[in-house]
Amino acid sequence: IDVCPMELRPLNYVLLAKENKFEEMEKYGVLNCIECGCCENICSSKSSLVDIIKKAKKIIREKKK
């Protein structure tokens, strides 16, 4: 949380993505993510957080069409 310049909670997005809760991810501001990779660099689990966020943003945008 401390490293995110947008003050988002990227680890929450990972948990929500696993449950396909993309609407909830949107409520928590996933579309505001600038995909800088700070969260990924600091993550001890070495999860591909940015990839997960990119996929979620794509799914959310496609649902809005």
N, C-alpha and C. Protein backbone atom coordinates (compact mmCIF):
# COMPACT_ATOMS: atom_id res chain seq x y z
N ILE A 1 0.83 -1.19 0.00
CA ILE A 1 0.00 0.00 0.00
C ILE A 1 0.87 1.25 0.00
N ASP A 2 1.92 1.23 0.80
CA ASP A 2 2.76 2.41 0.93
C ASP A 2 3.50 2.76 -0.35
N VAL A 3 3.74 1.79 -1.21
CA VAL A 3 4.51 2.06 -2.42
C VAL A 3 3.65 2.53 -3.59
N CYS A 4 2.37 2.36 -3.51
CA CYS A 4 1.48 2.72 -4.63
C CYS A 4 1.31 4.23 -4.71
N PRO A 5 1.75 4.83 -5.83
CA PRO A 5 1.59 6.28 -5.97
C PRO A 5 0.13 6.72 -6.06
N MET A 6 -0.75 5.81 -6.39
CA MET A 6 -2.18 6.12 -6.49
C MET A 6 -2.93 5.76 -5.20
N GLU A 7 -2.20 5.24 -4.20
CA GLU A 7 -2.76 4.84 -2.91
C GLU A 7 -3.85 3.77 -3.05
N LEU A 8 -3.60 2.83 -3.96
CA LEU A 8 -4.52 1.71 -4.18
C LEU A 8 -4.06 0.51 -3.36
N ARG A 9 -4.86 -0.52 -3.36
CA ARG A 9 -4.53 -1.76 -2.64
C ARG A 9 -4.47 -2.92 -3.64
N PRO A 10 -3.36 -3.03 -4.36
CA PRO A 10 -3.27 -4.03 -5.42
C PRO A 10 -3.40 -5.48 -4.96
N LEU A 11 -3.03 -5.79 -3.75
CA LEU A 11 -3.18 -7.18 -3.30
C LEU A 11 -4.65 -7.56 -3.19
N ASN A 12 -5.50 -6.59 -2.86
CA ASN A 12 -6.94 -6.87 -2.84
C ASN A 12 -7.44 -7.23 -4.23
N TYR A 13 -6.88 -6.60 -5.25
CA TYR A 13 -7.29 -6.88 -6.62
C TYR A 13 -6.98 -8.33 -6.99
N VAL A 14 -5.88 -8.82 -6.52
CA VAL A 14 -5.51 -10.22 -6.81
C VAL A 14 -6.55 -11.16 -6.21
N LEU A 15 -6.91 -10.91 -4.97
CA LEU A 15 -7.90 -11.77 -4.31
C LEU A 15 -9.25 -11.69 -5.01
N LEU A 16 -9.65 -10.50 -5.39
CA LEU A 16 -10.94 -10.32 -6.08
C LEU A 16 -10.91 -10.94 -7.48
N ALA A 17 -9.79 -10.84 -8.16
CA ALA A 17 -9.66 -11.41 -9.51
C ALA A 17 -9.79 -12.94 -9.46
N LYS A 18 -9.25 -13.55 -8.42
CA LYS A 18 -9.36 -15.01 -8.29
C LYS A 18 -10.81 -15.45 -8.17
N GLU A 19 -11.65 -14.56 -7.66
CA GLU A 19 -13.08 -14.86 -7.50
C GLU A 19 -13.93 -14.24 -8.60
N ASN A 20 -13.27 -13.70 -9.64
CA ASN A 20 -13.95 -13.06 -10.77
C ASN A 20 -14.90 -11.95 -10.33
N LYS A 21 -14.50 -11.19 -9.34
CA LYS A 21 -15.31 -10.08 -8.83
C LYS A 21 -14.81 -8.76 -9.41
N PHE A 22 -14.98 -8.63 -10.72
CA PHE A 22 -14.44 -7.48 -11.43
C PHE A 22 -15.20 -6.19 -11.12
N GLU A 23 -16.50 -6.30 -10.87
CA GLU A 23 -17.27 -5.11 -10.51
C GLU A 23 -16.77 -4.55 -9.18
N GLU A 24 -16.45 -5.44 -8.28
CA GLU A 24 -15.94 -5.01 -6.98
C GLU A 24 -14.55 -4.38 -7.13
N MET A 25 -13.75 -4.94 -8.03
CA MET A 25 -12.44 -4.36 -8.30
C MET A 25 -12.58 -2.93 -8.81
N GLU A 26 -13.59 -2.72 -9.65
CA GLU A 26 -13.83 -1.39 -10.18
C GLU A 26 -14.22 -0.42 -9.06
N LYS A 27 -15.03 -0.90 -8.13
CA LYS A 27 -15.43 -0.07 -6.99
C LYS A 27 -14.22 0.35 -6.16
N TYR A 28 -13.22 -0.52 -6.10
CA TYR A 28 -12.01 -0.23 -5.34
C TYR A 28 -10.95 0.50 -6.16
N GLY A 29 -11.32 0.98 -7.35
CA GLY A 29 -10.45 1.86 -8.11
C GLY A 29 -9.41 1.22 -9.01
N VAL A 30 -9.62 -0.01 -9.42
CA VAL A 30 -8.62 -0.68 -10.26
C VAL A 30 -8.36 0.09 -11.55
N LEU A 31 -9.36 0.78 -12.06
CA LEU A 31 -9.17 1.54 -13.30
C LEU A 31 -8.26 2.75 -13.10
N ASN A 32 -8.02 3.13 -11.85
CA ASN A 32 -7.12 4.24 -11.55
C ASN A 32 -5.65 3.82 -11.51
N CYS A 33 -5.41 2.53 -11.58
CA CYS A 33 -4.04 2.02 -11.55
C CYS A 33 -3.29 2.50 -12.79
N ILE A 34 -2.08 3.03 -12.57
CA ILE A 34 -1.27 3.52 -13.68
C ILE A 34 -0.27 2.47 -14.17
N GLU A 35 -0.34 1.27 -13.60
CA GLU A 35 0.47 0.12 -14.02
C GLU A 35 1.96 0.42 -13.96
N CYS A 36 2.38 1.10 -12.91
CA CYS A 36 3.79 1.48 -12.76
C CYS A 36 4.67 0.31 -12.32
N GLY A 37 4.09 -0.69 -11.66
CA GLY A 37 4.85 -1.86 -11.24
C GLY A 37 5.47 -1.76 -9.86
N CYS A 38 5.23 -0.67 -9.14
CA CYS A 38 5.79 -0.54 -7.80
C CYS A 38 5.33 -1.67 -6.88
N CYS A 39 4.06 -2.02 -6.96
CA CYS A 39 3.51 -3.08 -6.12
C CYS A 39 4.17 -4.43 -6.44
N GLU A 40 4.40 -4.65 -7.71
CA GLU A 40 4.99 -5.91 -8.15
C GLU A 40 6.45 -6.03 -7.68
N ASN A 41 7.16 -4.92 -7.69
CA ASN A 41 8.56 -4.92 -7.27
C ASN A 41 8.72 -5.18 -5.79
N ILE A 42 7.77 -4.75 -4.98
CA ILE A 42 7.87 -4.89 -3.53
C ILE A 42 7.23 -6.18 -3.02
N CYS A 43 6.40 -6.81 -3.84
CA CYS A 43 5.65 -8.00 -3.43
C CYS A 43 6.58 -9.18 -3.19
N SER A 44 6.52 -9.72 -1.99
CA SER A 44 7.40 -10.84 -1.64
C SER A 44 6.97 -12.14 -2.32
N SER A 45 5.72 -12.24 -2.74
CA SER A 45 5.25 -13.46 -3.40
C SER A 45 5.60 -13.49 -4.88
N LYS A 46 6.13 -12.37 -5.37
CA LYS A 46 6.52 -12.25 -6.78
C LYS A 46 5.34 -12.54 -7.72
N SER A 47 4.14 -12.17 -7.29
CA SER A 47 2.95 -12.31 -8.13
C SER A 47 3.03 -11.30 -9.27
N SER A 48 2.43 -11.64 -10.37
CA SER A 48 2.40 -10.73 -11.51
C SER A 48 1.20 -9.79 -11.36
N LEU A 49 1.29 -8.90 -10.39
CA LEU A 49 0.19 -8.01 -10.05
C LEU A 49 -0.25 -7.14 -11.22
N VAL A 50 0.70 -6.60 -11.95
CA VAL A 50 0.37 -5.71 -13.05
C VAL A 50 -0.39 -6.46 -14.14
N ASP A 51 0.02 -7.69 -14.43
CA ASP A 51 -0.70 -8.49 -15.43
C ASP A 51 -2.14 -8.75 -14.99
N ILE A 52 -2.32 -9.06 -13.72
CA ILE A 52 -3.66 -9.32 -13.19
C ILE A 52 -4.50 -8.05 -13.30
N ILE A 53 -3.92 -6.92 -12.96
CA ILE A 53 -4.63 -5.65 -13.03
C ILE A 53 -4.98 -5.30 -14.48
N LYS A 54 -4.05 -5.51 -15.40
CA LYS A 54 -4.30 -5.22 -16.82
C LYS A 54 -5.46 -6.06 -17.34
N LYS A 55 -5.48 -7.35 -16.99
CA LYS A 55 -6.55 -8.24 -17.44
C LYS A 55 -7.90 -7.80 -16.87
N ALA A 56 -7.89 -7.43 -15.60
CA ALA A 56 -9.13 -6.99 -14.96
C ALA A 56 -9.65 -5.72 -15.62
N LYS A 57 -8.77 -4.78 -15.89
CA LYS A 57 -9.17 -3.53 -16.53
C LYS A 57 -9.75 -3.80 -17.92
N LYS A 58 -9.16 -4.73 -18.63
CA LYS A 58 -9.65 -5.08 -19.97
C LYS A 58 -11.06 -5.67 -19.88
N ILE A 59 -11.26 -6.58 -18.94
CA ILE A 59 -12.56 -7.22 -18.77
C ILE A 59 -13.62 -6.18 -18.39
N ILE A 60 -13.28 -5.28 -17.48
CA ILE A 60 -14.22 -4.25 -17.06
C ILE A 60 -14.59 -3.35 -18.22
N ARG A 61 -13.61 -2.95 -19.00
CA ARG A 61 -13.87 -2.07 -20.15
C ARG A 61 -14.71 -2.76 -21.20
N GLU A 62 -14.46 -4.07 -21.44
CA GLU A 62 -15.24 -4.81 -22.44
C GLU A 62 -16.70 -4.96 -22.01
N LYS A 63 -16.94 -5.10 -20.71
CA LYS A 63 -18.31 -5.22 -20.22
C LYS A 63 -19.10 -3.94 -20.39
N LYS A 64 -18.39 -2.81 -20.45
CA LYS A 64 -19.05 -1.51 -20.59
C LYS A 64 -19.44 -1.21 -22.03
N LYS A 65 -18.94 -1.97 -22.98
CA LYS A 65 -19.24 -1.72 -24.40
C LYS A 65 -20.66 -2.11 -24.73
